[in-house]
Amino acid sequence: MRAPSPKLLRFAAMLGLMFGALPLGEARAANGLEMNFWLSGPRYDGAVADCDKALPTIATQFWEKESAFWNSSLKITGFSAVREVAFRPWQSDNIPRRYCTGDAMLTDGKVRKVHFSIIEDGGFAAYGDGVEWCVVGLDRNWAYNPACRAAKP
């Protein structure tokens, strides 16, 4: 079998470009049913829990991560100076988030900063609020490095 000539390849490419640029049908806007039912999209209320509500989740997830992945016995024993840093710091049509910071007391006796955000409908399968957090100095997989800066607004 013989390879196609360069002239034939150029012709086929031009033909493809011409047919690809032609409209096949007119573009239509979504009808009433599609707009009201199928294309409804997420609706955020901005009802995000207060900073204190996320602390048990952070303590549990921290212990699970340290014990399962890093073979460490570190646990968070308490929190202090927890405060909100920002709420919806970007445009209002983004997913609502509450950014918080505080101090975490660990079982090694050290107090470390913890930065976290609570995300509306950010839980498993968009059920409930989700929490993303980072303990400064213990971001061992560098997910929020340097010094947990990516966990801040």
N, C-alpha and C. Protein backbone atom coordinates (compact mmCIF):
# COMPACT_ATOMS: atom_id res chain seq x y z
N MET A 1 0.84 -1.17 0.00
CA MET A 1 0.00 0.00 0.00
C MET A 1 0.88 1.24 0.00
N ARG A 2 0.51 2.18 -0.80
CA ARG A 2 1.29 3.39 -0.99
C ARG A 2 0.81 4.50 -0.05
N ALA A 3 1.73 5.32 0.45
CA ALA A 3 1.38 6.44 1.32
C ALA A 3 0.72 7.53 0.48
N PRO A 4 -0.26 8.24 1.03
CA PRO A 4 -0.93 9.32 0.28
C PRO A 4 0.05 10.45 -0.02
N SER A 5 -0.17 11.10 -1.12
CA SER A 5 0.73 12.18 -1.52
C SER A 5 0.50 13.42 -0.65
N PRO A 6 1.50 14.27 -0.54
CA PRO A 6 1.34 15.50 0.26
C PRO A 6 0.23 16.40 -0.27
N LYS A 7 0.03 16.39 -1.60
CA LYS A 7 -1.03 17.20 -2.19
C LYS A 7 -2.40 16.72 -1.71
N LEU A 8 -2.58 15.41 -1.68
CA LEU A 8 -3.84 14.82 -1.23
C LEU A 8 -4.06 15.11 0.26
N LEU A 9 -3.01 15.06 1.05
CA LEU A 9 -3.14 15.36 2.48
C LEU A 9 -3.52 16.82 2.72
N ARG A 10 -2.94 17.74 1.96
CA ARG A 10 -3.30 19.16 2.09
C ARG A 10 -4.75 19.39 1.70
N PHE A 11 -5.18 18.73 0.63
CA PHE A 11 -6.57 18.86 0.18
C PHE A 11 -7.53 18.34 1.25
N ALA A 12 -7.21 17.21 1.84
CA ALA A 12 -8.07 16.64 2.88
C ALA A 12 -8.11 17.55 4.11
N ALA A 13 -6.97 18.16 4.46
CA ALA A 13 -6.94 19.06 5.60
C ALA A 13 -7.79 20.30 5.34
N MET A 14 -7.69 20.85 4.14
CA MET A 14 -8.49 22.03 3.78
C MET A 14 -9.98 21.70 3.78
N LEU A 15 -10.31 20.53 3.24
CA LEU A 15 -11.70 20.10 3.22
C LEU A 15 -12.23 19.95 4.65
N GLY A 16 -11.43 19.38 5.53
CA GLY A 16 -11.83 19.21 6.93
C GLY A 16 -12.04 20.55 7.62
N LEU A 17 -11.15 21.51 7.34
CA LEU A 17 -11.30 22.85 7.92
C LEU A 17 -12.57 23.53 7.43
N MET A 18 -12.85 23.38 6.14
CA MET A 18 -14.05 24.02 5.59
C MET A 18 -15.31 23.44 6.20
N PHE A 19 -15.39 22.12 6.26
CA PHE A 19 -16.60 21.50 6.80
C PHE A 19 -16.69 21.69 8.32
N GLY A 20 -15.57 21.79 8.99
CA GLY A 20 -15.58 22.01 10.42
C GLY A 20 -16.05 23.41 10.78
N ALA A 21 -15.85 24.37 9.88
CA ALA A 21 -16.25 25.75 10.15
C ALA A 21 -17.71 26.01 9.82
N LEU A 22 -18.34 25.11 9.07
CA LEU A 22 -19.74 25.32 8.70
C LEU A 22 -20.66 25.02 9.87
N PRO A 23 -21.65 25.88 10.10
CA PRO A 23 -22.62 25.56 11.15
C PRO A 23 -23.55 24.44 10.68
N LEU A 24 -23.76 23.48 11.55
CA LEU A 24 -24.61 22.36 11.19
C LEU A 24 -26.08 22.63 11.47
N GLY A 25 -26.35 23.52 12.34
CA GLY A 25 -27.71 23.88 12.69
C GLY A 25 -27.66 25.17 13.48
N GLU A 26 -28.81 25.75 13.69
CA GLU A 26 -28.78 27.01 14.42
C GLU A 26 -28.66 26.74 15.91
N ALA A 27 -27.96 27.61 16.59
CA ALA A 27 -27.79 27.49 18.03
C ALA A 27 -29.04 28.03 18.70
N ARG A 28 -29.53 27.28 19.67
CA ARG A 28 -30.73 27.70 20.37
C ARG A 28 -30.42 27.86 21.85
N ALA A 29 -31.13 28.77 22.46
CA ALA A 29 -31.02 28.92 23.91
C ALA A 29 -31.79 27.80 24.59
N ALA A 30 -31.51 27.58 25.83
CA ALA A 30 -32.22 26.55 26.58
C ALA A 30 -33.70 26.92 26.70
N ASN A 31 -34.56 25.91 26.55
CA ASN A 31 -35.99 26.19 26.69
C ASN A 31 -36.35 26.28 28.17
N GLY A 32 -37.59 26.60 28.47
CA GLY A 32 -38.02 26.81 29.85
C GLY A 32 -37.80 25.61 30.74
N LEU A 33 -38.07 24.40 30.22
CA LEU A 33 -37.89 23.20 31.02
C LEU A 33 -36.41 22.98 31.34
N GLU A 34 -35.57 23.18 30.34
CA GLU A 34 -34.13 22.99 30.56
C GLU A 34 -33.58 24.00 31.56
N MET A 35 -34.04 25.24 31.47
CA MET A 35 -33.53 26.28 32.37
C MET A 35 -34.02 26.07 33.80
N ASN A 36 -35.24 25.62 33.95
CA ASN A 36 -35.80 25.52 35.29
C ASN A 36 -35.58 24.17 35.94
N PHE A 37 -35.22 23.16 35.17
CA PHE A 37 -35.08 21.85 35.76
C PHE A 37 -33.68 21.28 35.57
N TRP A 38 -33.27 21.15 34.34
CA TRP A 38 -32.01 20.46 34.06
C TRP A 38 -30.78 21.33 34.27
N LEU A 39 -30.86 22.60 34.02
CA LEU A 39 -29.69 23.48 34.14
C LEU A 39 -29.79 24.37 35.37
N SER A 40 -30.30 23.84 36.43
CA SER A 40 -30.53 24.68 37.61
C SER A 40 -29.22 25.10 38.27
N GLY A 41 -28.24 24.23 38.32
CA GLY A 41 -26.96 24.57 38.91
C GLY A 41 -27.03 24.68 40.42
N PRO A 42 -25.89 24.83 41.05
CA PRO A 42 -25.88 24.91 42.52
C PRO A 42 -26.41 26.26 42.98
N ARG A 43 -27.08 26.24 44.10
CA ARG A 43 -27.56 27.47 44.72
C ARG A 43 -26.96 27.54 46.12
N TYR A 44 -26.14 28.53 46.33
CA TYR A 44 -25.48 28.67 47.62
C TYR A 44 -26.18 29.76 48.43
N ASP A 45 -26.41 29.45 49.69
CA ASP A 45 -27.09 30.38 50.58
C ASP A 45 -26.11 31.24 51.36
N GLY A 46 -24.88 30.83 51.43
CA GLY A 46 -23.90 31.54 52.25
C GLY A 46 -24.04 31.17 53.72
N ALA A 47 -24.76 30.07 53.97
CA ALA A 47 -24.96 29.60 55.35
C ALA A 47 -23.82 28.65 55.70
N VAL A 48 -22.70 29.21 56.13
CA VAL A 48 -21.52 28.42 56.47
C VAL A 48 -21.36 28.44 57.99
N ALA A 49 -21.05 27.30 58.56
CA ALA A 49 -20.93 27.18 60.01
C ALA A 49 -19.83 28.10 60.56
N ASP A 50 -19.94 28.41 61.84
CA ASP A 50 -18.92 29.22 62.51
C ASP A 50 -17.62 28.43 62.64
N CYS A 51 -16.55 29.14 62.93
CA CYS A 51 -15.22 28.53 63.02
C CYS A 51 -15.17 27.41 64.06
N ASP A 52 -15.83 27.61 65.19
CA ASP A 52 -15.77 26.62 66.28
C ASP A 52 -16.36 25.27 65.89
N LYS A 53 -17.29 25.25 64.95
CA LYS A 53 -17.95 24.00 64.56
C LYS A 53 -17.00 23.04 63.84
N ALA A 54 -15.92 23.55 63.26
CA ALA A 54 -15.00 22.71 62.48
C ALA A 54 -13.90 22.08 63.34
N LEU A 55 -13.73 22.52 64.57
CA LEU A 55 -12.61 22.07 65.39
C LEU A 55 -12.61 20.57 65.67
N PRO A 56 -13.74 19.94 66.02
CA PRO A 56 -13.71 18.48 66.21
C PRO A 56 -13.32 17.72 64.95
N THR A 57 -13.78 18.20 63.80
CA THR A 57 -13.42 17.56 62.52
C THR A 57 -11.92 17.66 62.28
N ILE A 58 -11.35 18.82 62.54
CA ILE A 58 -9.92 19.03 62.33
C ILE A 58 -9.11 18.11 63.25
N ALA A 59 -9.50 18.05 64.52
CA ALA A 59 -8.77 17.20 65.48
C ALA A 59 -8.82 15.74 65.07
N THR A 60 -9.99 15.27 64.64
CA THR A 60 -10.14 13.87 64.23
C THR A 60 -9.34 13.57 62.97
N GLN A 61 -9.48 14.43 61.96
CA GLN A 61 -8.75 14.20 60.71
C GLN A 61 -7.25 14.31 60.90
N PHE A 62 -6.80 15.21 61.77
CA PHE A 62 -5.37 15.34 62.05
C PHE A 62 -4.83 14.04 62.66
N TRP A 63 -5.53 13.51 63.64
CA TRP A 63 -5.11 12.26 64.28
C TRP A 63 -5.09 11.11 63.27
N GLU A 64 -6.13 11.03 62.42
CA GLU A 64 -6.17 9.96 61.42
C GLU A 64 -5.00 10.06 60.44
N LYS A 65 -4.71 11.27 59.99
CA LYS A 65 -3.61 11.46 59.04
C LYS A 65 -2.27 11.13 59.67
N GLU A 66 -2.04 11.63 60.87
CA GLU A 66 -0.76 11.40 61.53
C GLU A 66 -0.53 9.92 61.82
N SER A 67 -1.56 9.23 62.30
CA SER A 67 -1.38 7.83 62.67
C SER A 67 -1.32 6.92 61.45
N ALA A 68 -2.14 7.17 60.45
CA ALA A 68 -2.22 6.27 59.29
C ALA A 68 -1.08 6.49 58.29
N PHE A 69 -0.71 7.74 58.05
CA PHE A 69 0.25 8.02 56.98
C PHE A 69 1.66 8.31 57.48
N TRP A 70 1.79 8.86 58.68
CA TRP A 70 3.10 9.28 59.15
C TRP A 70 3.58 8.50 60.36
N ASN A 71 2.83 7.49 60.79
CA ASN A 71 3.20 6.64 61.91
C ASN A 71 3.59 7.48 63.13
N SER A 72 2.75 8.47 63.40
CA SER A 72 3.01 9.41 64.47
C SER A 72 1.88 9.31 65.50
N SER A 73 2.20 9.55 66.74
CA SER A 73 1.17 9.51 67.79
C SER A 73 0.67 10.91 68.15
N LEU A 74 1.01 11.91 67.35
CA LEU A 74 0.57 13.28 67.62
C LEU A 74 -0.95 13.39 67.54
N LYS A 75 -1.51 14.15 68.46
CA LYS A 75 -2.93 14.47 68.47
C LYS A 75 -3.09 15.93 68.86
N ILE A 76 -4.20 16.51 68.44
CA ILE A 76 -4.54 17.85 68.88
C ILE A 76 -5.36 17.70 70.15
N THR A 77 -4.91 18.34 71.23
CA THR A 77 -5.62 18.22 72.51
C THR A 77 -6.54 19.39 72.78
N GLY A 78 -6.33 20.50 72.09
CA GLY A 78 -7.20 21.66 72.30
C GLY A 78 -6.87 22.78 71.35
N PHE A 79 -7.79 23.74 71.30
CA PHE A 79 -7.64 24.91 70.44
C PHE A 79 -7.80 26.17 71.28
N SER A 80 -7.16 27.25 70.84
CA SER A 80 -7.35 28.55 71.48
C SER A 80 -7.20 29.64 70.43
N ALA A 81 -7.69 30.82 70.78
CA ALA A 81 -7.59 32.00 69.92
C ALA A 81 -8.13 31.74 68.52
N VAL A 82 -9.22 31.00 68.43
CA VAL A 82 -9.83 30.71 67.12
C VAL A 82 -10.64 31.92 66.69
N ARG A 83 -10.39 32.37 65.46
CA ARG A 83 -11.11 33.55 64.96
C ARG A 83 -11.27 33.46 63.45
N GLU A 84 -12.26 34.18 62.96
CA GLU A 84 -12.50 34.25 61.52
C GLU A 84 -11.53 35.24 60.89
N VAL A 85 -11.00 34.86 59.73
CA VAL A 85 -10.09 35.72 59.00
C VAL A 85 -10.81 36.40 57.84
N ALA A 86 -11.66 35.62 57.13
CA ALA A 86 -12.39 36.17 55.99
C ALA A 86 -13.62 35.31 55.71
N PHE A 87 -14.63 35.93 55.13
CA PHE A 87 -15.81 35.22 54.68
C PHE A 87 -16.09 35.65 53.26
N ARG A 88 -16.14 34.69 52.35
CA ARG A 88 -16.34 34.98 50.93
C ARG A 88 -15.39 36.07 50.45
N PRO A 89 -14.09 35.83 50.52
CA PRO A 89 -13.15 36.90 50.17
C PRO A 89 -13.10 37.23 48.68
N TRP A 90 -13.69 36.39 47.84
CA TRP A 90 -13.68 36.65 46.42
C TRP A 90 -15.07 37.08 45.98
N GLN A 91 -15.36 36.91 44.71
CA GLN A 91 -16.65 37.32 44.18
C GLN A 91 -17.78 36.59 44.89
N SER A 92 -18.94 37.20 44.89
CA SER A 92 -20.06 36.62 45.63
C SER A 92 -20.62 35.37 44.97
N ASP A 93 -20.32 35.10 43.70
CA ASP A 93 -20.87 33.91 43.05
C ASP A 93 -19.95 32.70 43.17
N ASN A 94 -18.86 32.81 43.91
CA ASN A 94 -18.01 31.65 44.19
C ASN A 94 -18.62 30.83 45.32
N ILE A 95 -18.13 29.62 45.50
CA ILE A 95 -18.60 28.77 46.59
C ILE A 95 -18.28 29.47 47.90
N PRO A 96 -19.26 29.67 48.77
CA PRO A 96 -19.01 30.37 50.02
C PRO A 96 -18.05 29.60 50.93
N ARG A 97 -17.06 30.32 51.45
CA ARG A 97 -16.07 29.75 52.36
C ARG A 97 -15.86 30.72 53.52
N ARG A 98 -15.65 30.15 54.68
CA ARG A 98 -15.27 30.94 55.86
C ARG A 98 -13.85 30.52 56.21
N TYR A 99 -12.92 31.48 56.20
CA TYR A 99 -11.53 31.21 56.54
C TYR A 99 -11.28 31.58 57.99
N CYS A 100 -10.61 30.68 58.70
CA CYS A 100 -10.36 30.86 60.12
C CYS A 100 -8.91 30.51 60.45
N THR A 101 -8.48 30.94 61.61
CA THR A 101 -7.16 30.60 62.11
C THR A 101 -7.24 30.44 63.62
N GLY A 102 -6.27 29.77 64.18
CA GLY A 102 -6.23 29.58 65.62
C GLY A 102 -4.96 28.87 66.03
N ASP A 103 -4.86 28.61 67.31
CA ASP A 103 -3.71 27.89 67.85
C ASP A 103 -4.16 26.50 68.26
N ALA A 104 -3.34 25.49 67.96
CA ALA A 104 -3.65 24.11 68.33
C ALA A 104 -2.58 23.61 69.28
N MET A 105 -3.03 23.05 70.40
CA MET A 105 -2.10 22.43 71.36
C MET A 105 -1.97 20.96 70.99
N LEU A 106 -0.73 20.49 70.85
CA LEU A 106 -0.49 19.11 70.46
C LEU A 106 0.05 18.30 71.63
N THR A 107 -0.01 16.99 71.48
CA THR A 107 0.45 16.11 72.56
C THR A 107 1.95 16.20 72.80
N ASP A 108 2.70 16.79 71.89
CA ASP A 108 4.14 16.96 72.11
C ASP A 108 4.44 18.22 72.93
N GLY A 109 3.40 18.92 73.35
CA GLY A 109 3.56 20.11 74.17
C GLY A 109 3.74 21.40 73.41
N LYS A 110 3.75 21.34 72.09
CA LYS A 110 3.94 22.54 71.28
C LYS A 110 2.59 23.12 70.86
N VAL A 111 2.56 24.44 70.76
CA VAL A 111 1.39 25.14 70.23
C VAL A 111 1.72 25.55 68.81
N ARG A 112 0.88 25.15 67.90
CA ARG A 112 1.12 25.46 66.49
C ARG A 112 -0.11 26.15 65.90
N LYS A 113 0.13 27.01 64.92
CA LYS A 113 -0.96 27.68 64.20
C LYS A 113 -1.68 26.67 63.33
N VAL A 114 -2.97 26.82 63.24
CA VAL A 114 -3.77 26.02 62.31
C VAL A 114 -4.63 26.99 61.50
N HIS A 115 -4.58 26.84 60.19
CA HIS A 115 -5.37 27.64 59.27
C HIS A 115 -6.36 26.70 58.62
N PHE A 116 -7.63 27.12 58.53
CA PHE A 116 -8.63 26.24 57.94
C PHE A 116 -9.74 27.04 57.29
N SER A 117 -10.48 26.36 56.43
CA SER A 117 -11.64 26.97 55.78
C SER A 117 -12.80 25.99 55.85
N ILE A 118 -13.98 26.56 55.98
CA ILE A 118 -15.21 25.78 55.99
C ILE A 118 -15.93 26.11 54.70
N ILE A 119 -16.28 25.08 53.93
CA ILE A 119 -16.82 25.26 52.58
C ILE A 119 -18.27 24.78 52.55
N GLU A 120 -19.16 25.67 52.11
CA GLU A 120 -20.57 25.29 52.00
C GLU A 120 -20.73 24.17 50.98
N ASP A 121 -21.45 23.14 51.34
CA ASP A 121 -21.69 21.96 50.49
C ASP A 121 -20.38 21.32 50.03
N GLY A 122 -19.33 21.42 50.81
CA GLY A 122 -18.04 20.86 50.44
C GLY A 122 -17.76 19.51 51.05
N GLY A 123 -18.75 18.95 51.73
CA GLY A 123 -18.57 17.64 52.34
C GLY A 123 -18.63 16.53 51.31
N PHE A 124 -18.59 15.29 51.76
CA PHE A 124 -18.62 14.14 50.87
C PHE A 124 -19.90 14.17 50.05
N ALA A 125 -19.77 14.06 48.73
CA ALA A 125 -20.89 14.09 47.78
C ALA A 125 -21.72 15.35 47.96
N ALA A 126 -21.07 16.47 48.28
CA ALA A 126 -21.70 17.78 48.45
C ALA A 126 -22.75 17.77 49.55
N TYR A 127 -22.57 16.90 50.54
CA TYR A 127 -23.50 16.86 51.65
C TYR A 127 -22.84 17.48 52.87
N GLY A 128 -23.37 18.57 53.33
CA GLY A 128 -22.84 19.25 54.51
C GLY A 128 -21.60 20.07 54.19
N ASP A 129 -21.14 20.77 55.20
CA ASP A 129 -19.96 21.62 55.03
C ASP A 129 -18.69 20.77 54.99
N GLY A 130 -17.75 21.20 54.18
CA GLY A 130 -16.45 20.55 54.12
C GLY A 130 -15.43 21.41 54.85
N VAL A 131 -14.37 20.79 55.31
CA VAL A 131 -13.32 21.51 56.03
C VAL A 131 -11.97 21.17 55.40
N GLU A 132 -11.21 22.19 55.07
CA GLU A 132 -9.82 22.03 54.63
C GLU A 132 -8.97 22.73 55.68
N TRP A 133 -7.90 22.07 56.11
CA TRP A 133 -7.10 22.61 57.20
C TRP A 133 -5.62 22.32 57.00
N CYS A 134 -4.80 23.07 57.73
CA CYS A 134 -3.35 22.87 57.68
C CYS A 134 -2.75 23.32 59.01
N VAL A 135 -1.94 22.47 59.61
CA VAL A 135 -1.22 22.80 60.84
C VAL A 135 0.20 23.22 60.44
N VAL A 136 0.57 24.44 60.77
CA VAL A 136 1.87 24.99 60.36
C VAL A 136 2.99 24.15 60.97
N GLY A 137 3.92 23.72 60.14
CA GLY A 137 5.05 22.90 60.57
C GLY A 137 4.78 21.40 60.47
N LEU A 138 3.52 21.02 60.24
CA LEU A 138 3.19 19.59 60.13
C LEU A 138 2.48 19.29 58.81
N ASP A 139 2.75 20.10 57.80
CA ASP A 139 2.23 19.85 56.45
C ASP A 139 3.26 18.97 55.75
N ARG A 140 3.32 17.72 56.17
CA ARG A 140 4.39 16.82 55.73
C ARG A 140 4.35 16.48 54.24
N ASN A 141 3.16 16.52 53.65
CA ASN A 141 3.09 16.22 52.21
C ASN A 141 3.10 17.49 51.37
N TRP A 142 3.33 18.63 51.98
CA TRP A 142 3.49 19.92 51.33
C TRP A 142 2.26 20.33 50.53
N ALA A 143 1.10 19.94 50.96
CA ALA A 143 -0.12 20.29 50.23
C ALA A 143 -0.42 21.77 50.28
N TYR A 144 -0.04 22.44 51.37
CA TYR A 144 -0.36 23.87 51.53
C TYR A 144 0.89 24.72 51.72
N ASN A 145 2.06 24.19 51.43
CA ASN A 145 3.32 24.89 51.63
C ASN A 145 3.42 26.17 50.83
N PRO A 146 4.25 27.10 51.20
CA PRO A 146 5.10 27.17 52.38
C PRO A 146 4.32 27.69 53.60
N ALA A 147 4.55 27.09 54.74
CA ALA A 147 3.97 27.48 56.03
C ALA A 147 2.45 27.61 55.96
N CYS A 148 1.81 26.69 55.25
CA CYS A 148 0.35 26.63 55.14
C CYS A 148 -0.26 27.87 54.47
N ARG A 149 0.52 28.56 53.66
CA ARG A 149 0.02 29.78 53.01
C ARG A 149 -1.15 29.50 52.09
N ALA A 150 -1.19 28.34 51.45
CA ALA A 150 -2.28 28.02 50.51
C ALA A 150 -3.59 27.73 51.23
N ALA A 151 -3.57 27.57 52.55
CA ALA A 151 -4.80 27.35 53.30
C ALA A 151 -5.44 28.67 53.73
N LYS A 152 -4.79 29.77 53.45
CA LYS A 152 -5.31 31.10 53.79
C LYS A 152 -6.04 31.69 52.59
N PRO A 153 -6.85 32.73 52.82
CA PRO A 153 -7.54 33.36 51.68
C PRO A 153 -6.60 34.09 50.76
